Amino acid sequence: MSGLRGVGKTVLLNDYVAIAGDKAWLTVKVEATRAQSLAATLTKALYVPLRKLTTQGGRVSAAWSKAVAVFSAFRLTVDPTGTYSFGVDIKPAAGTADTGELSL
């Protein structure tokens, strides 16, 4: 999403977050930068909320369980120089993460 300052981009995104929250969707806010890949940004933003969801003892739907299983296939490594490495540790779930395209 792009546009001039003050046209309501953030307001619209916040409304989307509220609507998603009303439907019990998990949401995170991230800002794309040239300094870090989208994959690394999403990995860091999603890890803690997904981990909390599966460790709070609440009922977790089959869809959430599958999402966590797919997400757990990804890894993010940071070396002492601050360089990030993003990869996949296991074979992706068929039909879910097998394209190699994060956007899909």
N, C-alpha and C. Protein backbone atom coordinates (compact mmCIF):
# COMPACT_ATOMS: atom_id res chain seq x y z
N MET A 1 0.86 -1.16 0.00
CA MET A 1 0.00 0.00 0.00
C MET A 1 0.91 1.22 0.00
N SER A 2 0.60 2.15 -0.83
CA SER A 2 1.39 3.38 -0.86
C SER A 2 0.47 4.55 -1.15
N GLY A 3 0.95 5.73 -0.83
CA GLY A 3 0.18 6.93 -1.08
C GLY A 3 0.80 8.10 -0.35
N LEU A 4 0.28 9.26 -0.63
CA LEU A 4 0.79 10.47 0.00
C LEU A 4 0.53 10.43 1.51
N ARG A 5 1.31 11.20 2.21
CA ARG A 5 1.16 11.30 3.66
C ARG A 5 -0.21 11.89 3.99
N GLY A 6 -0.87 11.27 4.97
CA GLY A 6 -2.13 11.82 5.47
C GLY A 6 -3.38 11.38 4.74
N VAL A 7 -3.28 10.43 3.81
CA VAL A 7 -4.48 10.02 3.07
C VAL A 7 -5.24 8.88 3.75
N GLY A 8 -4.68 8.31 4.84
CA GLY A 8 -5.41 7.30 5.59
C GLY A 8 -4.90 5.88 5.47
N LYS A 9 -3.68 5.68 5.01
CA LYS A 9 -3.14 4.32 4.86
C LYS A 9 -3.09 3.60 6.22
N THR A 10 -2.56 4.26 7.22
CA THR A 10 -2.43 3.64 8.53
C THR A 10 -3.80 3.41 9.16
N VAL A 11 -4.70 4.34 8.99
CA VAL A 11 -6.06 4.18 9.51
C VAL A 11 -6.72 2.95 8.90
N LEU A 12 -6.57 2.79 7.60
CA LEU A 12 -7.14 1.64 6.91
C LEU A 12 -6.52 0.33 7.41
N LEU A 13 -5.21 0.31 7.54
CA LEU A 13 -4.54 -0.89 8.04
C LEU A 13 -4.98 -1.22 9.47
N ASN A 14 -5.11 -0.20 10.30
CA ASN A 14 -5.59 -0.42 11.68
C ASN A 14 -7.01 -0.96 11.70
N ASP A 15 -7.85 -0.48 10.79
CA ASP A 15 -9.21 -1.02 10.68
C ASP A 15 -9.18 -2.49 10.27
N TYR A 16 -8.29 -2.84 9.35
CA TYR A 16 -8.14 -4.25 8.95
C TYR A 16 -7.72 -5.11 10.15
N VAL A 17 -6.80 -4.60 10.96
CA VAL A 17 -6.35 -5.33 12.15
C VAL A 17 -7.52 -5.53 13.11
N ALA A 18 -8.33 -4.50 13.30
CA ALA A 18 -9.49 -4.60 14.20
C ALA A 18 -10.50 -5.63 13.68
N ILE A 19 -10.77 -5.60 12.40
CA ILE A 19 -11.72 -6.56 11.81
C ILE A 19 -11.18 -7.98 11.96
N ALA A 20 -9.90 -8.17 11.70
CA ALA A 20 -9.29 -9.49 11.83
C ALA A 20 -9.34 -9.96 13.29
N GLY A 21 -9.08 -9.04 14.22
CA GLY A 21 -9.14 -9.38 15.64
C GLY A 21 -10.54 -9.80 16.06
N ASP A 22 -11.56 -9.14 15.51
CA ASP A 22 -12.94 -9.51 15.80
C ASP A 22 -13.26 -10.92 15.35
N LYS A 23 -12.53 -11.40 14.36
CA LYS A 23 -12.74 -12.75 13.83
C LYS A 23 -11.71 -13.74 14.39
N ALA A 24 -10.99 -13.31 15.44
CA ALA A 24 -9.99 -14.13 16.14
C ALA A 24 -8.81 -14.51 15.25
N TRP A 25 -8.47 -13.65 14.31
CA TRP A 25 -7.27 -13.88 13.48
C TRP A 25 -6.06 -13.37 14.24
N LEU A 26 -4.94 -13.98 13.99
CA LEU A 26 -3.67 -13.50 14.54
C LEU A 26 -3.14 -12.42 13.60
N THR A 27 -2.77 -11.28 14.15
CA THR A 27 -2.24 -10.19 13.32
C THR A 27 -0.92 -9.70 13.90
N VAL A 28 -0.06 -9.25 13.02
CA VAL A 28 1.19 -8.59 13.43
C VAL A 28 1.38 -7.40 12.51
N LYS A 29 2.05 -6.39 13.03
CA LYS A 29 2.37 -5.22 12.21
C LYS A 29 3.85 -5.24 11.90
N VAL A 30 4.18 -5.13 10.62
CA VAL A 30 5.58 -5.07 10.20
C VAL A 30 5.73 -3.94 9.20
N GLU A 31 6.93 -3.42 9.12
CA GLU A 31 7.24 -2.38 8.15
C GLU A 31 8.34 -2.89 7.25
N ALA A 32 8.09 -2.86 5.95
CA ALA A 32 9.09 -3.33 4.99
C ALA A 32 10.21 -2.31 4.88
N THR A 33 11.43 -2.82 4.87
CA THR A 33 12.60 -1.97 4.69
C THR A 33 13.55 -2.65 3.70
N ARG A 34 14.40 -1.87 3.12
CA ARG A 34 15.40 -2.43 2.22
C ARG A 34 16.50 -3.15 3.01
N ALA A 35 16.64 -2.81 4.29
CA ALA A 35 17.73 -3.37 5.10
C ALA A 35 17.49 -4.82 5.49
N GLN A 36 16.24 -5.28 5.44
CA GLN A 36 15.94 -6.65 5.87
C GLN A 36 14.91 -7.25 4.93
N SER A 37 15.06 -8.52 4.63
CA SER A 37 14.13 -9.19 3.72
C SER A 37 12.75 -9.32 4.38
N LEU A 38 11.73 -9.44 3.54
CA LEU A 38 10.37 -9.64 4.05
C LEU A 38 10.30 -10.94 4.84
N ALA A 39 10.97 -11.97 4.36
CA ALA A 39 10.96 -13.26 5.06
C ALA A 39 11.50 -13.12 6.47
N ALA A 40 12.62 -12.44 6.64
CA ALA A 40 13.21 -12.26 7.97
C ALA A 40 12.30 -11.41 8.84
N THR A 41 11.71 -10.37 8.28
CA THR A 41 10.81 -9.49 9.03
C THR A 41 9.60 -10.27 9.53
N LEU A 42 8.98 -11.05 8.64
CA LEU A 42 7.80 -11.83 9.03
C LEU A 42 8.15 -12.92 10.02
N THR A 43 9.29 -13.56 9.84
CA THR A 43 9.70 -14.62 10.76
C THR A 43 9.81 -14.07 12.18
N LYS A 44 10.47 -12.94 12.32
CA LYS A 44 10.63 -12.36 13.65
C LYS A 44 9.30 -11.89 14.22
N ALA A 45 8.45 -11.32 13.39
CA ALA A 45 7.17 -10.79 13.87
C ALA A 45 6.19 -11.90 14.25
N LEU A 46 6.21 -13.02 13.55
CA LEU A 46 5.23 -14.09 13.77
C LEU A 46 5.65 -15.11 14.82
N TYR A 47 6.94 -15.23 15.07
CA TYR A 47 7.40 -16.31 15.94
C TYR A 47 6.77 -16.26 17.33
N VAL A 48 6.87 -15.13 18.00
CA VAL A 48 6.37 -15.04 19.37
C VAL A 48 4.85 -15.22 19.44
N PRO A 49 4.05 -14.53 18.62
CA PRO A 49 2.60 -14.74 18.70
C PRO A 49 2.18 -16.20 18.43
N LEU A 50 2.82 -16.85 17.45
CA LEU A 50 2.48 -18.24 17.18
C LEU A 50 2.90 -19.14 18.34
N ARG A 51 4.05 -18.86 18.90
CA ARG A 51 4.53 -19.65 20.05
C ARG A 51 3.58 -19.51 21.23
N LYS A 52 3.14 -18.28 21.52
CA LYS A 52 2.21 -18.05 22.63
C LYS A 52 0.89 -18.77 22.38
N LEU A 53 0.43 -18.74 21.16
CA LEU A 53 -0.84 -19.37 20.82
C LEU A 53 -0.81 -20.86 21.13
N THR A 54 0.32 -21.50 20.86
CA THR A 54 0.40 -22.95 21.04
C THR A 54 0.84 -23.36 22.44
N THR A 55 1.25 -22.42 23.28
CA THR A 55 1.71 -22.79 24.62
C THR A 55 0.83 -22.25 25.74
N GLN A 56 -0.26 -21.58 25.42
CA GLN A 56 -1.11 -21.01 26.46
C GLN A 56 -2.13 -22.00 27.00
N GLY A 57 -2.15 -23.20 26.47
CA GLY A 57 -3.06 -24.21 26.98
C GLY A 57 -4.48 -24.07 26.47
N GLY A 58 -4.73 -23.06 25.66
CA GLY A 58 -6.06 -22.89 25.09
C GLY A 58 -6.30 -23.86 23.94
N ARG A 59 -7.53 -23.91 23.52
CA ARG A 59 -7.85 -24.78 22.38
C ARG A 59 -7.29 -24.17 21.12
N VAL A 60 -6.59 -24.96 20.38
CA VAL A 60 -5.99 -24.52 19.12
C VAL A 60 -6.67 -25.29 18.00
N SER A 61 -7.19 -24.57 17.02
CA SER A 61 -7.90 -25.22 15.93
C SER A 61 -6.93 -26.01 15.06
N ALA A 62 -7.47 -26.90 14.25
CA ALA A 62 -6.65 -27.68 13.32
C ALA A 62 -5.93 -26.76 12.34
N ALA A 63 -6.60 -25.68 11.93
CA ALA A 63 -5.98 -24.73 10.99
C ALA A 63 -4.77 -24.06 11.63
N TRP A 64 -4.89 -23.67 12.91
CA TRP A 64 -3.75 -23.05 13.60
C TRP A 64 -2.62 -24.05 13.79
N SER A 65 -2.98 -25.27 14.12
CA SER A 65 -1.95 -26.30 14.29
C SER A 65 -1.19 -26.50 13.00
N LYS A 66 -1.89 -26.50 11.87
CA LYS A 66 -1.23 -26.65 10.57
C LYS A 66 -0.36 -25.43 10.27
N ALA A 67 -0.87 -24.23 10.59
CA ALA A 67 -0.09 -23.02 10.34
C ALA A 67 1.21 -23.04 11.14
N VAL A 68 1.13 -23.46 12.38
CA VAL A 68 2.34 -23.53 13.22
C VAL A 68 3.29 -24.58 12.68
N ALA A 69 2.75 -25.71 12.22
CA ALA A 69 3.61 -26.76 11.66
C ALA A 69 4.34 -26.27 10.42
N VAL A 70 3.64 -25.53 9.57
CA VAL A 70 4.27 -24.98 8.37
C VAL A 70 5.30 -23.93 8.76
N PHE A 71 4.93 -23.04 9.68
CA PHE A 71 5.84 -21.98 10.11
C PHE A 71 7.10 -22.55 10.74
N SER A 72 6.95 -23.65 11.47
CA SER A 72 8.11 -24.22 12.16
C SER A 72 9.13 -24.80 11.19
N ALA A 73 8.75 -24.96 9.94
CA ALA A 73 9.69 -25.46 8.94
C ALA A 73 10.73 -24.41 8.56
N PHE A 74 10.47 -23.14 8.87
CA PHE A 74 11.38 -22.06 8.51
C PHE A 74 12.35 -21.79 9.66
N ARG A 75 13.52 -21.30 9.31
CA ARG A 75 14.48 -20.93 10.35
C ARG A 75 15.10 -19.58 10.01
N LEU A 76 15.47 -18.88 11.04
CA LEU A 76 16.16 -17.61 10.89
C LEU A 76 17.39 -17.67 11.79
N THR A 77 18.56 -17.40 11.21
CA THR A 77 19.81 -17.44 11.95
C THR A 77 20.47 -16.07 11.88
N VAL A 78 21.02 -15.64 13.01
CA VAL A 78 21.74 -14.38 13.06
C VAL A 78 23.15 -14.69 13.53
N ASP A 79 24.15 -14.32 12.73
CA ASP A 79 25.53 -14.56 13.16
C ASP A 79 26.05 -13.34 13.92
N PRO A 80 27.21 -13.44 14.56
CA PRO A 80 27.72 -12.34 15.39
C PRO A 80 27.89 -11.00 14.66
N THR A 81 28.02 -11.04 13.33
CA THR A 81 28.17 -9.79 12.59
C THR A 81 26.83 -9.11 12.34
N GLY A 82 25.73 -9.80 12.70
CA GLY A 82 24.40 -9.25 12.48
C GLY A 82 23.79 -9.66 11.16
N THR A 83 24.44 -10.58 10.45
CA THR A 83 23.92 -11.06 9.18
C THR A 83 22.84 -12.10 9.43
N TYR A 84 21.72 -11.95 8.73
CA TYR A 84 20.61 -12.88 8.86
C TYR A 84 20.68 -13.94 7.78
N SER A 85 20.27 -15.15 8.13
CA SER A 85 20.17 -16.24 7.18
C SER A 85 18.79 -16.85 7.36
N PHE A 86 18.08 -17.00 6.27
CA PHE A 86 16.72 -17.53 6.32
C PHE A 86 16.68 -18.81 5.51
N GLY A 87 16.08 -19.85 6.03
CA GLY A 87 16.03 -21.10 5.29
C GLY A 87 14.94 -22.01 5.79
N VAL A 88 14.92 -23.21 5.26
CA VAL A 88 13.92 -24.21 5.61
C VAL A 88 14.65 -25.44 6.14
N ASP A 89 14.22 -25.93 7.29
CA ASP A 89 14.87 -27.07 7.92
C ASP A 89 14.30 -28.41 7.46
N ILE A 90 13.01 -28.46 7.15
CA ILE A 90 12.38 -29.73 6.80
C ILE A 90 11.60 -29.59 5.50
N LYS A 91 11.18 -30.71 4.97
CA LYS A 91 10.38 -30.69 3.75
C LYS A 91 9.07 -29.95 4.04
N PRO A 92 8.69 -28.98 3.21
CA PRO A 92 7.46 -28.21 3.47
C PRO A 92 6.21 -29.07 3.32
N ALA A 93 5.15 -28.64 3.98
CA ALA A 93 3.87 -29.32 3.87
C ALA A 93 3.39 -29.24 2.43
N ALA A 94 3.00 -30.35 1.88
CA ALA A 94 2.56 -30.41 0.48
C ALA A 94 1.36 -29.50 0.26
N GLY A 95 1.47 -28.67 -0.77
CA GLY A 95 0.37 -27.78 -1.12
C GLY A 95 0.26 -26.54 -0.27
N THR A 96 1.12 -26.39 0.73
CA THR A 96 1.05 -25.24 1.61
C THR A 96 2.27 -24.36 1.48
N ALA A 97 3.43 -24.93 1.61
CA ALA A 97 4.65 -24.15 1.57
C ALA A 97 5.65 -24.74 0.58
N ASP A 98 5.16 -25.47 -0.39
CA ASP A 98 6.06 -26.19 -1.29
C ASP A 98 6.43 -25.38 -2.54
N THR A 99 5.93 -24.17 -2.68
CA THR A 99 6.23 -23.39 -3.86
C THR A 99 7.57 -22.66 -3.76
N GLY A 100 8.02 -22.39 -2.55
CA GLY A 100 9.22 -21.59 -2.37
C GLY A 100 8.96 -20.10 -2.49
N GLU A 101 7.72 -19.72 -2.73
CA GLU A 101 7.33 -18.32 -2.87
C GLU A 101 6.62 -17.88 -1.59
N LEU A 102 7.28 -17.05 -0.78
CA LEU A 102 6.70 -16.61 0.49
C LEU A 102 5.36 -15.89 0.28
N SER A 103 5.26 -15.16 -0.83
CA SER A 103 4.04 -14.39 -1.07
C SER A 103 2.83 -15.27 -1.31
N LEU A 104 3.05 -16.52 -1.73
CA LEU A 104 1.94 -17.44 -1.96
C LEU A 104 1.53 -18.13 -0.69
